[in-house]
């Protein structure tokens, strides 16, 4: 689920207010069948008992001030309750969208795994053509079917867990909606009563004054607590296809596209920020708005994978860029953004701009592009788990890897990104990745 930032009202809700500094009403107590106020008395009737009260105007004024302070605080709480109720109703809509998005990602990743598994099986069969026989072919097919069955069961379990968490979260949010609605109704009723009470004459105001005060305080001390729901990132898809390592590309950076604040390494596999712009020749493909650089490689077909070390960058962006599009337009990119603020890590996917639920920092990001199936996936390569994927992207033209860092407004920024070298298998049967167009 997409996670949203805590409302300020959750941190400073009038539900926790304690009226410790408010003036106290005069001591009212029974003495036999009389009520005394500050040692003075005057006879009047309450609840059928003869009561005596003296200096009623002073006592009434003290209560009136107290009721007014209570009324002002309860109105603040009422407003806060309405805002939190609106937030809870919005969270219900967002939760449904997030659950559906997770479901689509799980199903998409399952299809990717099946395709890559089938491709791996075919590569293994071709690698042993010289000693190929029907038994080997049948054994390979049986192994593929068994793997596919296990994979399907694993993904179905993930979908079931997602469905369960979604139902539980929705139940909690609906219960919270009912509870807040009841609190709002009670607060509205008591504020109307207090407003009426404050306008009453002294002798009437003092009737049931203590009861009205206690009832108001009981509502004041009720906490406005939003629902505590479970993060859907607990349904994170673990594991990565071994074929991704086979498809890993040796990406290099194109210095002609690099923003003047970026410094590229000699081997064109890493980039870092500098505090002043470099003097660079003008080029129509150079980025001049953001600290961005493209990869030299471009892809118009096939499946491709690369990994980037992001552990030395506080803010970064990775993804693909449609090379024929306008250079600084946001509509020509598919991106994953990572940001570190203190000890908090946040991640966003685009398009559309959507927060990604991750519980831990990512040090190495894998990017997988399947041009024919119009899919892009981002992985936590160090932990072998899916971060986010996009489907049905309607690719047109050549796509190129894109890398960005954030230019700081002041101070020294030493952020850097490094492209990881492709995995080299010691096995002679390893098949090289598909060639790309450069």
Protein backbone atom coordinates (compact mmCIF):
# COMPACT_ATOMS: atom_id res chain seq x y z
CA UNK A 1 0.00 0.00 0.00
CA UNK A 2 0.97 2.66 -0.99
CA UNK A 3 1.86 4.34 2.57
CA UNK A 4 0.81 7.97 3.18
CA UNK A 5 2.55 10.54 5.57
CA UNK A 6 1.13 10.85 9.08
CA UNK A 7 -1.30 13.75 9.50
CA UNK A 8 -0.29 16.45 11.92
CA UNK A 9 -3.62 15.84 13.62
CA UNK A 10 -2.50 12.33 14.51
CA UNK A 11 0.43 13.82 16.35
CA UNK A 12 -1.44 16.71 18.01
CA UNK A 13 -5.03 15.64 18.48
CA UNK A 14 -7.23 17.44 21.00
CA UNK A 15 -8.28 13.99 22.19
CA UNK A 16 -5.23 14.01 24.43
CA UNK A 17 -5.94 17.47 25.85
CA UNK A 18 -6.06 17.75 29.62
CA UNK A 19 -7.57 20.92 31.02
CA UNK A 20 -5.01 21.30 33.76
CA UNK A 21 -4.85 25.09 33.62
CA UNK A 22 -8.57 25.83 33.46
CA UNK A 23 -10.21 27.55 36.44
CA UNK A 24 -12.00 25.23 38.82
CA UNK A 25 -15.67 25.76 39.71
CA UNK A 26 -16.56 26.65 43.29
CA UNK A 27 -16.83 23.72 45.67
CA UNK A 28 -20.40 22.43 45.65
CA UNK A 29 -21.25 19.86 48.27
CA UNK A 30 -24.24 18.56 50.15
CA UNK A 31 -24.71 19.25 53.83
CA UNK A 32 -27.71 17.19 54.84
CA UNK A 33 -30.43 18.41 52.53
CA UNK A 34 -28.66 21.71 51.71
CA UNK A 35 -26.09 22.64 49.05
CA UNK A 36 -23.52 25.21 50.10
CA UNK A 37 -21.33 27.41 47.87
CA UNK A 38 -18.28 29.07 49.47
CA UNK A 39 -19.94 28.95 52.86
CA UNK A 40 -22.99 31.00 51.72
CA UNK A 41 -26.41 29.63 51.01
CA UNK A 42 -29.66 30.28 49.20
CA UNK A 43 -32.72 28.02 49.02
CA UNK A 44 -33.76 26.53 45.65
CA UNK A 45 -35.10 23.22 44.35
CA UNK A 46 -33.05 20.58 42.47
CA UNK A 47 -34.05 16.95 41.76
CA UNK A 48 -36.86 17.27 44.27
CA UNK A 49 -34.47 18.01 47.16
CA UNK A 50 -34.43 21.34 48.94
CA UNK A 51 -31.06 22.98 48.18
CA UNK A 52 -29.66 26.23 49.47
CA UNK A 53 -27.27 28.34 47.37
CA UNK A 54 -25.93 31.82 48.04
CA UNK A 55 -24.08 34.08 45.66
CA UNK A 56 -25.48 32.22 42.66
CA UNK A 57 -24.23 34.79 40.10
CA UNK A 58 -20.58 34.25 41.09
CA UNK A 59 -20.90 30.47 40.96
CA UNK A 60 -22.76 30.65 37.65
CA UNK A 61 -20.12 32.93 36.13
CA UNK A 62 -17.33 30.55 37.11
CA UNK A 63 -19.24 27.67 35.51
CA UNK A 64 -20.01 29.75 32.42
CA UNK A 65 -16.29 30.44 31.88
CA UNK A 66 -15.52 26.79 32.40
CA UNK A 67 -18.23 25.71 29.95
CA UNK A 68 -16.99 28.19 27.34
CA UNK A 69 -13.41 26.89 27.59
CA UNK A 70 -14.70 23.35 27.36
CA UNK A 71 -16.86 24.31 24.38
CA UNK A 72 -13.92 25.84 22.50
CA UNK A 73 -11.78 22.75 23.08
CA UNK A 74 -14.58 20.36 22.08
CA UNK A 75 -15.12 22.32 18.87
CA UNK A 76 -11.44 21.88 18.04
CA UNK A 77 -11.76 18.19 18.71
CA UNK A 78 -14.90 18.00 16.58
CA UNK A 79 -13.05 19.58 13.68
CA UNK A 80 -10.14 17.20 14.16
CA UNK A 81 -12.51 14.22 14.25
CA UNK A 82 -14.09 15.28 10.95
CA UNK A 83 -10.67 15.57 9.31
CA UNK A 84 -9.55 12.16 10.58
CA UNK A 85 -12.84 10.62 9.42
CA UNK A 86 -12.22 12.06 5.96
CA UNK A 87 -8.70 10.64 6.06
CA UNK A 88 -10.00 7.18 7.01
CA UNK A 89 -12.52 7.23 4.15
CA UNK A 90 -9.74 8.26 1.77
CA UNK A 91 -7.54 5.48 3.11
CA UNK A 92 -10.26 2.95 2.29
CA UNK A 93 -10.23 4.04 -1.34
CA UNK A 94 -6.43 4.06 -1.43
CA UNK A 95 -6.27 0.63 0.22
CA UNK A 96 -8.49 -0.87 -2.46
CA UNK A 97 -6.32 0.64 -5.20
CA UNK A 98 -3.11 -0.50 -3.51
CA UNK A 99 -4.41 -4.04 -3.07
CA UNK A 100 -5.42 -4.18 -6.74
CA UNK A 101 -2.01 -2.82 -7.74
CA UNK A 102 -0.23 -5.46 -5.65
CA UNK A 103 -2.39 -8.15 -7.23
CA UNK A 104 -1.50 -6.99 -10.73
CA UNK A 105 2.22 -6.91 -9.83
CA UNK A 106 2.07 -10.44 -8.42
CA UNK A 107 0.33 -11.76 -11.52
CA UNK A 108 2.71 -9.87 -13.80
CA UNK A 109 5.79 -11.21 -12.00
CA UNK A 110 4.37 -14.73 -12.25
CA UNK A 111 4.06 -14.40 -16.03
CA UNK A 112 7.62 -13.05 -16.25
CA UNK A 113 8.96 -15.98 -14.22
CA UNK A 114 7.14 -18.51 -16.42
CA UNK A 115 8.51 -16.93 -19.62
CA UNK A 116 12.05 -16.79 -18.27
CA UNK A 117 11.80 -20.34 -16.95
CA UNK A 118 10.62 -21.60 -20.36
CA UNK A 119 13.44 -19.71 -22.03
CA UNK A 120 15.99 -21.14 -19.61
CA UNK A 121 14.71 -24.65 -20.29
CA UNK A 122 15.05 -24.16 -24.03
CA UNK A 123 18.59 -22.84 -23.64
CA UNK A 124 19.54 -25.86 -21.55
CA UNK A 125 18.19 -28.23 -24.19
CA UNK A 126 20.07 -26.47 -26.99
CA UNK A 127 23.29 -26.58 -24.99
CA UNK A 128 23.25 -30.40 -25.00
CA UNK A 129 22.14 -30.96 -28.61
CA UNK A 130 25.09 -33.20 -29.33
CA UNK A 131 23.97 -35.73 -26.70
CA UNK A 132 20.27 -35.10 -27.02
CA UNK A 133 17.79 -37.96 -26.68
CA UNK A 134 14.10 -38.43 -25.96
CA UNK A 135 14.69 -39.34 -22.33
CA UNK A 136 16.58 -36.10 -21.71
CA UNK A 137 13.86 -34.10 -23.44
CA UNK A 138 11.16 -35.78 -21.36
CA UNK A 139 13.11 -35.26 -18.15
CA UNK A 140 13.54 -31.59 -18.98
CA UNK A 141 9.84 -31.21 -19.70
CA UNK A 142 8.94 -32.93 -16.44
CA UNK A 143 11.29 -30.65 -14.52
CA UNK A 144 9.73 -27.60 -16.20
CA UNK A 145 6.21 -28.75 -15.31
CA UNK A 146 7.17 -29.41 -11.69
CA UNK A 147 8.85 -26.04 -11.38
CA UNK A 148 5.85 -24.29 -12.95
CA UNK A 149 3.48 -26.06 -10.53
CA UNK A 150 5.55 -25.06 -7.49
CA UNK A 151 5.82 -21.50 -8.75
CA UNK A 152 2.05 -21.28 -9.27
CA UNK A 153 1.40 -22.55 -5.74
CA UNK A 154 3.83 -20.02 -4.30
CA UNK A 155 2.21 -17.11 -6.11
CA UNK A 156 -1.30 -18.30 -5.21
CA UNK A 157 -0.28 -18.34 -1.55
CA UNK A 158 0.98 -14.77 -1.92
CA UNK A 159 -2.32 -13.71 -3.52
CA UNK A 160 -4.28 -15.39 -0.72
CA UNK A 161 -2.23 -13.60 1.91
CA UNK A 162 -2.74 -10.30 0.08
CA UNK A 163 -6.50 -10.92 -0.02
CA UNK A 164 -6.56 -11.74 3.70
CA UNK A 165 -4.59 -8.62 4.67
CA UNK A 166 -6.78 -6.50 2.42
CA UNK A 167 -9.95 -7.76 4.10
CA UNK A 168 -8.50 -7.26 7.57
CA UNK A 169 -7.36 -3.73 6.75
CA UNK A 170 -10.73 -2.82 5.27
CA UNK A 171 -12.49 -4.21 8.36
CA UNK A 172 -10.33 -2.06 10.65
CA UNK A 173 -10.90 1.04 8.54
CA UNK A 174 -14.67 0.55 8.51
CA UNK A 175 -14.71 0.02 12.28
CA UNK A 176 -12.69 3.21 12.64
CA UNK A 177 -15.16 5.03 10.38
CA UNK A 178 -18.09 3.92 12.57
CA UNK A 179 -16.27 4.84 15.79
CA UNK A 180 -15.30 8.29 14.52
CA UNK A 181 -18.81 8.92 13.21
CA UNK A 182 -20.23 8.13 16.65
CA UNK A 183 -17.69 10.42 18.31
CA UNK A 184 -18.56 13.21 15.89
CA UNK A 185 -22.29 12.76 16.65
CA UNK A 186 -21.65 12.92 20.41
CA UNK A 187 -19.39 15.94 20.05
CA UNK A 188 -21.97 17.76 17.96
CA UNK A 189 -24.66 17.08 20.54
CA UNK A 190 -22.58 18.22 23.52
CA UNK A 191 -21.39 21.39 21.77
CA UNK A 192 -25.01 22.35 21.04
CA UNK A 193 -25.91 21.69 24.68
CA UNK A 194 -22.95 23.72 25.97
CA UNK A 195 -23.76 26.64 23.69
CA UNK A 196 -27.29 26.60 25.06
CA UNK A 197 -25.97 26.25 28.61
CA UNK A 198 -23.72 29.29 28.25
CA UNK A 199 -26.72 31.43 27.27
CA UNK A 200 -28.87 30.36 30.21
CA UNK A 201 -29.54 32.61 33.23
CA UNK A 202 -27.54 31.90 36.37
CA UNK A 203 -30.19 29.96 38.27
CA UNK A 204 -30.88 27.67 35.28
CA UNK A 205 -27.20 27.27 34.30
CA UNK A 206 -26.34 25.80 37.72
CA UNK A 207 -28.92 23.07 37.38
CA UNK A 208 -27.17 19.81 36.35
CA UNK A 209 -23.96 21.83 35.89
CA UNK A 210 -21.73 19.15 37.37
CA UNK A 211 -23.32 16.45 35.21
CA UNK A 212 -22.85 18.54 32.05
CA UNK A 213 -19.22 19.15 32.96
CA UNK A 214 -18.50 15.47 33.61
CA UNK A 215 -20.17 14.44 30.36
CA UNK A 216 -18.15 17.01 28.42
CA UNK A 217 -14.90 15.85 30.02
CA UNK A 218 -15.64 12.21 29.22
CA UNK A 219 -15.93 13.14 25.52
CA UNK A 220 -12.87 15.36 25.69
CA UNK A 221 -10.73 12.53 27.03
CA UNK A 222 -11.73 10.08 24.29
CA UNK A 223 -8.82 9.63 21.91
CA UNK A 224 -9.24 10.15 18.17
CA UNK A 225 -7.28 7.11 17.03
CA UNK A 226 -6.96 6.26 13.31
CA UNK A 227 -7.02 2.58 12.39
CA UNK A 228 -3.74 0.69 12.63
CA UNK A 229 -3.52 -1.33 9.43
CA UNK A 230 -0.98 -3.84 8.13
CA UNK A 231 1.50 -2.83 5.45
CA UNK A 232 0.81 -4.78 2.27
CA UNK A 233 4.55 -4.92 1.62
CA UNK A 234 4.43 -8.01 3.82
CA UNK A 235 3.23 -9.66 0.61
CA UNK A 236 6.51 -8.77 -1.09
CA UNK A 237 7.46 -11.23 -3.82
CA UNK A 238 10.74 -12.92 -3.01
CA UNK A 239 13.14 -14.69 -5.34
CA UNK A 240 14.43 -13.79 -8.79
CA UNK A 241 14.77 -15.81 -11.96
CA UNK A 242 18.29 -17.12 -12.62
CA UNK A 243 17.79 -16.04 -16.22
CA UNK A 244 18.11 -12.40 -15.23
CA UNK A 245 21.82 -12.93 -14.61
CA UNK A 246 22.12 -14.50 -18.07
CA UNK A 247 20.35 -11.50 -19.59
CA UNK A 248 22.46 -8.93 -17.69
CA UNK A 249 23.82 -6.26 -20.02
CA UNK A 250 27.20 -4.44 -19.81
CA UNK A 251 25.69 -0.95 -19.73
CA UNK A 252 27.94 2.09 -20.21
CA UNK A 253 27.14 5.80 -19.83
CA UNK A 254 26.87 8.24 -22.72
CA UNK A 255 28.94 11.36 -21.83
CA UNK A 256 27.18 13.38 -24.54
CA UNK A 257 23.95 13.25 -22.51
CA UNK A 258 25.45 13.93 -19.05
CA UNK A 259 24.34 17.01 -17.12
CA UNK A 260 27.22 19.45 -16.43
CA UNK A 261 27.04 18.69 -12.68
CA UNK A 262 27.82 15.00 -13.30
CA UNK A 263 31.28 13.49 -13.44
CA UNK A 264 31.59 10.13 -15.21
CA UNK A 265 34.31 7.58 -14.52
CA UNK A 266 36.86 6.68 -17.19
CA UNK A 267 35.22 3.31 -17.79
CA UNK A 268 31.82 5.06 -18.10
CA UNK A 269 30.25 2.78 -15.48
CA UNK A 270 29.76 5.23 -12.62
CA UNK A 271 28.60 8.80 -12.08
CA UNK A 272 28.91 11.25 -9.21
CA UNK A 273 27.89 14.81 -8.45
CA UNK A 274 30.25 17.75 -8.22
CA UNK A 275 29.57 21.14 -6.63
CA UNK A 276 30.22 23.20 -9.76
CA UNK A 277 29.24 22.70 -13.36
CA UNK A 278 31.76 21.37 -15.83
CA UNK A 279 32.53 23.22 -18.99
CA UNK A 280 31.07 20.83 -21.55
CA UNK A 281 30.29 21.27 -25.25
CA UNK A 282 26.67 21.74 -26.16
CA UNK A 283 24.81 18.72 -27.49
CA UNK A 284 21.13 18.26 -28.39
CA UNK A 285 20.91 15.11 -26.22
CA UNK A 286 22.50 16.63 -23.12
CA UNK A 287 20.30 17.02 -20.03
CA UNK A 288 20.34 20.59 -18.72
CA UNK A 289 17.49 20.46 -16.18
CA UNK A 290 18.26 17.46 -13.96
CA UNK A 291 21.49 15.65 -13.04
CA UNK A 292 20.78 12.87 -15.51
CA UNK A 293 22.69 10.73 -17.98
CA UNK A 294 21.59 8.04 -20.42
CA UNK A 295 23.18 4.70 -21.22
CA UNK A 296 24.89 4.23 -24.56
CA UNK A 297 22.89 1.09 -25.29
CA UNK A 298 19.41 1.35 -26.80
CA UNK A 299 16.84 -1.43 -27.08
CA UNK A 300 14.09 -1.94 -29.65
CA UNK A 301 13.38 -5.61 -28.93
CA UNK A 302 14.27 -8.50 -26.64
CA UNK A 303 14.80 -8.92 -22.91
CA UNK A 304 17.51 -7.01 -21.05
CA UNK A 305 18.67 -6.67 -17.46
CA UNK A 306 21.20 -4.49 -15.63
CA UNK A 307 22.07 -3.74 -12.02
CA UNK A 308 23.08 -0.49 -10.32
CA UNK A 309 24.73 0.07 -6.95
CA UNK A 310 22.72 2.85 -5.23
CA UNK A 311 24.20 2.45 -1.74
CA UNK A 312 26.24 5.67 -1.97
CA UNK A 313 23.37 7.93 -3.04
CA UNK A 314 20.82 9.61 -0.78
CA UNK A 315 18.50 10.39 -3.71
CA UNK A 316 18.50 8.61 -7.06
CA UNK A 317 16.39 7.63 -10.05
CA UNK A 318 16.72 4.64 -12.36
CA UNK A 319 14.70 3.34 -15.26
CA UNK A 320 14.32 3.66 -19.02
CA UNK A 321 14.01 6.66 -21.30
CA UNK A 322 12.42 6.88 -24.74
CA UNK A 323 15.38 8.29 -26.65
CA UNK A 324 13.38 9.89 -29.45
CA UNK A 325 11.35 12.01 -27.01
CA UNK A 326 11.93 15.54 -25.75
CA UNK A 327 14.97 15.50 -23.47
CA UNK A 328 13.61 16.99 -20.24
CA UNK A 329 9.99 15.84 -20.49
CA UNK A 330 8.69 13.66 -17.65
CA UNK A 331 6.29 11.79 -19.94
CA UNK A 332 9.02 9.82 -21.69
CA UNK A 333 10.40 7.94 -18.68
CA UNK A 334 9.64 4.94 -16.51
CA UNK A 335 11.36 5.47 -13.18
CA UNK A 336 11.98 4.15 -9.71
CA UNK A 337 13.05 6.86 -7.25
CA UNK A 338 14.78 6.28 -3.92
CA UNK A 339 15.25 8.90 -1.19
CA UNK A 340 17.00 8.77 2.17
CA UNK A 341 16.07 11.42 4.75
CA UNK A 342 17.88 10.75 8.03
CA UNK A 343 17.05 7.11 8.70
CA UNK A 344 13.82 7.09 6.66
CA UNK A 345 13.79 5.53 3.20
CA UNK A 346 11.04 6.32 0.71
CA UNK A 347 10.55 4.94 -2.79
CA UNK A 348 8.34 6.16 -5.63
CA UNK A 349 7.40 4.70 -9.01
CA UNK A 350 6.44 6.68 -12.11
CA UNK A 351 4.15 6.76 -14.10
CA UNK A 352 1.80 7.38 -12.41
CA UNK A 353 3.58 8.88 -9.40
CA UNK A 354 2.99 6.26 -6.72
CA UNK A 355 4.64 5.48 -3.41
CA UNK A 356 6.21 2.02 -3.09
CA UNK A 357 6.05 0.19 0.24
CA UNK A 358 9.48 -1.05 1.26
CA UNK A 359 10.60 -1.78 4.81
CA UNK A 360 14.38 -1.61 4.32
CA UNK A 361 17.03 0.29 2.42
CA UNK A 362 17.96 -0.94 -1.05
CA UNK A 363 21.66 -1.12 -1.94
CA UNK A 364 21.57 -2.69 -5.41
CA UNK A 365 18.71 -2.28 -7.88
CA UNK A 366 18.09 -4.60 -10.82
CA UNK A 367 16.19 -3.29 -13.87
CA UNK A 368 14.52 -5.77 -16.24
CA UNK A 369 13.10 -4.73 -19.61
CA UNK A 370 10.92 -7.01 -21.75
CA UNK A 371 10.27 -5.01 -24.90
CA UNK A 372 7.86 -7.41 -26.62
CA UNK A 373 5.66 -7.82 -23.53
CA UNK A 374 5.93 -4.10 -22.65
CA UNK A 375 7.08 -4.72 -19.10
CA UNK A 376 9.68 -3.14 -16.81
CA UNK A 377 10.52 -4.57 -13.39
CA UNK A 378 12.70 -3.26 -10.57
CA UNK A 379 14.31 -5.68 -8.11
CA UNK A 380 16.21 -5.49 -4.88
CA UNK A 381 19.09 -7.44 -6.36
CA UNK A 382 20.90 -7.86 -3.04
CA UNK A 383 17.86 -9.47 -1.35
CA UNK A 384 16.44 -11.09 -4.51
CA UNK A 385 12.95 -9.59 -4.26
CA UNK A 386 10.62 -7.58 -6.46
CA UNK A 387 10.34 -3.85 -5.72
CA UNK A 388 7.85 -2.79 -8.39
CA UNK A 389 6.87 -3.64 -11.96
CA UNK A 390 5.03 -1.95 -14.81
CA UNK A 391 2.95 -3.71 -17.48
CA UNK A 392 1.22 -2.65 -20.71
CA UNK A 393 3.51 0.33 -21.27
CA UNK A 394 2.97 0.56 -25.07
CA UNK A 395 6.64 0.99 -26.06
CA UNK A 396 7.44 2.91 -29.21
CA UNK A 397 10.93 3.45 -30.58
CA UNK A 398 14.25 2.85 -28.88
CA UNK A 399 14.56 2.69 -25.08
CA UNK A 400 17.73 3.59 -23.18
CA UNK A 401 18.75 3.16 -19.53
CA UNK A 402 18.54 6.36 -17.50
CA UNK A 403 20.38 7.36 -14.31
CA UNK A 404 19.78 10.45 -12.15
CA UNK A 405 21.07 12.02 -8.94
CA UNK A 406 19.63 14.95 -6.98
CA UNK A 407 21.42 18.31 -7.08
CA UNK A 408 21.59 19.66 -3.53
CA UNK A 409 20.61 23.26 -2.82
CA UNK A 410 23.74 23.82 -0.73
CA UNK A 411 26.73 22.08 0.82
CA UNK A 412 28.81 19.22 -0.50
CA UNK A 413 27.05 16.33 -2.23
CA UNK A 414 29.09 13.18 -2.79
CA UNK A 415 26.27 10.98 -4.10
CA UNK A 416 27.25 8.43 -6.73
CA UNK A 417 25.85 5.50 -8.72
CA UNK A 418 27.77 2.57 -10.18
CA UNK A 419 26.66 0.13 -12.85
CA UNK A 420 27.45 -3.45 -11.83
CA UNK A 421 29.40 -5.67 -14.20
CA UNK A 422 27.49 -8.62 -15.67
CA UNK A 423 27.65 -11.92 -13.88
CA UNK A 424 30.20 -14.32 -15.41
CA UNK A 425 29.36 -17.98 -14.92
CA UNK A 426 32.19 -20.51 -14.59
CA UNK A 427 30.05 -22.94 -16.55
CA UNK A 428 30.84 -23.32 -20.24
CA UNK A 429 27.15 -23.82 -21.03
CA UNK A 430 26.25 -20.21 -20.29
CA UNK A 431 24.53 -18.54 -23.22
CA UNK A 432 25.35 -14.89 -23.96
CA UNK A 433 22.59 -12.30 -23.76
CA UNK A 434 20.84 -11.05 -26.89
CA UNK A 435 22.67 -8.28 -28.74
CA UNK A 436 21.33 -4.74 -28.49
CA UNK A 437 21.26 -1.96 -31.01
CA UNK A 438 23.65 0.86 -30.21
